[in-house]
Amino acid sequence: MTAYIFGRHLMELAFALLVGSILMGCSLYPDINTDPAKNNKVTFRQDALDCAQSYPDSGSGVHVKQRIACMNLKGWH
């Protein structure tokens, strides 16, 4: 019985950490450009697609950091 309760709490903790890390990762994606002329949805979407094509999904999550760095180079913070 104790092993079951411990396993259940461990599973809940792992789920909470997973959800927290997903929310944290989504909040770190740059969405404001330093150039006011480029700070619009059309330019953002175009730059995001360009970075996504340059760094395709790798399965390990490294592509997210690469895409964020790409967006930072384009002026998004």
C-alpha atoms as a PDB file:
ATOM      1  CA  MET A   1       0.000   0.000   0.000  1.00  0.00           C
ATOM      2  CA  THR A   2       2.809   2.413   0.868  1.00  0.00           C
ATOM      3  CA  ALA A   3       4.549   1.728  -2.435  1.00  0.00           C
ATOM      4  CA  TYR A   4       1.307   2.517  -4.290  1.00  0.00           C
ATOM      5  CA  ILE A   5       0.886   5.861  -2.496  1.00  0.00           C
ATOM      6  CA  PHE A   6       4.542   6.747  -3.066  1.00  0.00           C
ATOM      7  CA  GLY A   7       4.252   5.836  -6.754  1.00  0.00           C
ATOM      8  CA  ARG A   8       1.088   7.894  -7.125  1.00  0.00           C
ATOM      9  CA  HIS A   9       2.678  10.961  -5.534  1.00  0.00           C
ATOM     10  CA  LEU A  10       5.755  10.507  -7.684  1.00  0.00           C
ATOM     11  CA  MET A  11       3.555  10.357 -10.795  1.00  0.00           C
ATOM     12  CA  GLU A  12       1.673  13.521  -9.759  1.00  0.00           C
ATOM     13  CA  LEU A  13       4.954  15.316  -9.118  1.00  0.00           C
ATOM     14  CA  ALA A  14       6.334  14.294 -12.514  1.00  0.00           C
ATOM     15  CA  PHE A  15       3.141  15.489 -14.222  1.00  0.00           C
ATOM     16  CA  ALA A  16       3.280  18.834 -12.395  1.00  0.00           C
ATOM     17  CA  LEU A  17       6.928  19.318 -13.409  1.00  0.00           C
ATOM     18  CA  LEU A  18       6.122  18.476 -17.023  1.00  0.00           C
ATOM     19  CA  VAL A  19       3.241  20.959 -17.202  1.00  0.00           C
ATOM     20  CA  GLY A  20       5.340  23.608 -15.465  1.00  0.00           C
ATOM     21  CA  SER A  21       8.245  23.181 -17.864  1.00  0.00           C
ATOM     22  CA  ILE A  22       5.923  23.386 -20.887  1.00  0.00           C
ATOM     23  CA  LEU A  23       4.382  26.607 -19.593  1.00  0.00           C
ATOM     24  CA  MET A  24       7.804  28.037 -18.808  1.00  0.00           C
ATOM     25  CA  GLY A  25       9.106  27.140 -22.254  1.00  0.00           C
ATOM     26  CA  CYS A  26       6.160  28.785 -23.969  1.00  0.00           C
ATOM     27  CA  SER A  27       6.577  31.973 -21.982  1.00  0.00           C
ATOM     28  CA  LEU A  28      10.232  32.337 -23.014  1.00  0.00           C
ATOM     29  CA  TYR A  29       9.517  32.528 -26.757  1.00  0.00           C
ATOM     30  CA  PRO A  30      10.288  36.072 -27.967  1.00  0.00           C
ATOM     31  CA  ASP A  31       7.298  38.107 -29.104  1.00  0.00           C
ATOM     32  CA  ILE A  32       8.397  41.777 -29.157  1.00  0.00           C
ATOM     33  CA  ASN A  33      10.704  43.222 -31.795  1.00  0.00           C
ATOM     34  CA  THR A  34      13.105  46.024 -30.932  1.00  0.00           C
ATOM     35  CA  ASP A  35      12.324  47.695 -34.285  1.00  0.00           C
ATOM     36  CA  PRO A  36       8.856  49.295 -34.022  1.00  0.00           C
ATOM     37  CA  ALA A  37       8.340  48.961 -37.786  1.00  0.00           C
ATOM     38  CA  LYS A  38       8.745  45.173 -37.563  1.00  0.00           C
ATOM     39  CA  ASN A  39       6.736  44.743 -34.358  1.00  0.00           C
ATOM     40  CA  ASN A  40       3.579  43.279 -35.946  1.00  0.00           C
ATOM     41  CA  LYS A  41       1.914  39.886 -36.369  1.00  0.00           C
ATOM     42  CA  VAL A  42       2.763  39.498 -40.060  1.00  0.00           C
ATOM     43  CA  THR A  43       6.504  40.018 -39.568  1.00  0.00           C
ATOM     44  CA  PHE A  44       6.490  37.847 -36.450  1.00  0.00           C
ATOM     45  CA  ARG A  45       4.753  34.993 -38.282  1.00  0.00           C
ATOM     46  CA  GLN A  46       7.154  35.288 -41.238  1.00  0.00           C
ATOM     47  CA  ASP A  47      10.247  35.293 -39.009  1.00  0.00           C
ATOM     48  CA  ALA A  48       8.903  32.407 -36.904  1.00  0.00           C
ATOM     49  CA  LEU A  49       8.268  30.298 -40.008  1.00  0.00           C
ATOM     50  CA  ASP A  50      11.738  31.120 -41.334  1.00  0.00           C
ATOM     51  CA  CYS A  51      13.340  30.007 -38.063  1.00  0.00           C
ATOM     52  CA  ALA A  52      11.159  26.866 -37.960  1.00  0.00           C
ATOM     53  CA  GLN A  53      12.279  25.921 -41.463  1.00  0.00           C
ATOM     54  CA  SER A  54      15.915  26.586 -40.587  1.00  0.00           C
ATOM     55  CA  TYR A  55      15.718  24.444 -37.439  1.00  0.00           C
ATOM     56  CA  PRO A  56      13.253  21.557 -37.932  1.00  0.00           C
ATOM     57  CA  ASP A  57      11.875  19.454 -35.081  1.00  0.00           C
ATOM     58  CA  SER A  58      14.687  17.296 -33.683  1.00  0.00           C
ATOM     59  CA  GLY A  59      12.679  15.276 -31.178  1.00  0.00           C
ATOM     60  CA  SER A  60      15.040  16.122 -28.332  1.00  0.00           C
ATOM     61  CA  GLY A  61      13.888  19.710 -27.828  1.00  0.00           C
ATOM     62  CA  VAL A  62      17.127  21.344 -28.976  1.00  0.00           C
ATOM     63  CA  HIS A  63      15.282  22.932 -31.893  1.00  0.00           C
ATOM     64  CA  VAL A  64      13.315  25.160 -29.485  1.00  0.00           C
ATOM     65  CA  LYS A  65      16.476  26.833 -28.168  1.00  0.00           C
ATOM     66  CA  GLN A  66      17.794  27.185 -31.711  1.00  0.00           C
ATOM     67  CA  ARG A  67      14.558  28.810 -32.865  1.00  0.00           C
ATOM     68  CA  ILE A  68      14.593  31.227 -29.924  1.00  0.00           C
ATOM     69  CA  ALA A  69      18.198  32.170 -30.739  1.00  0.00           C
ATOM     70  CA  CYS A  70      17.207  32.647 -34.394  1.00  0.00           C
ATOM     71  CA  MET A  71      14.340  34.945 -33.378  1.00  0.00           C
ATOM     72  CA  ASN A  72      16.686  36.891 -31.097  1.00  0.00           C
ATOM     73  CA  LEU A  73      19.030  37.453 -34.043  1.00  0.00           C
ATOM     74  CA  LYS A  74      16.100  38.835 -36.020  1.00  0.00           C
ATOM     75  CA  GLY A  75      15.433  41.372 -33.250  1.00  0.00           C
ATOM     76  CA  TRP A  76      12.692  39.588 -31.339  1.00  0.00           C
ATOM     77  CA  HIS A  77      12.991  39.574 -27.537  1.00  0.00           C
END
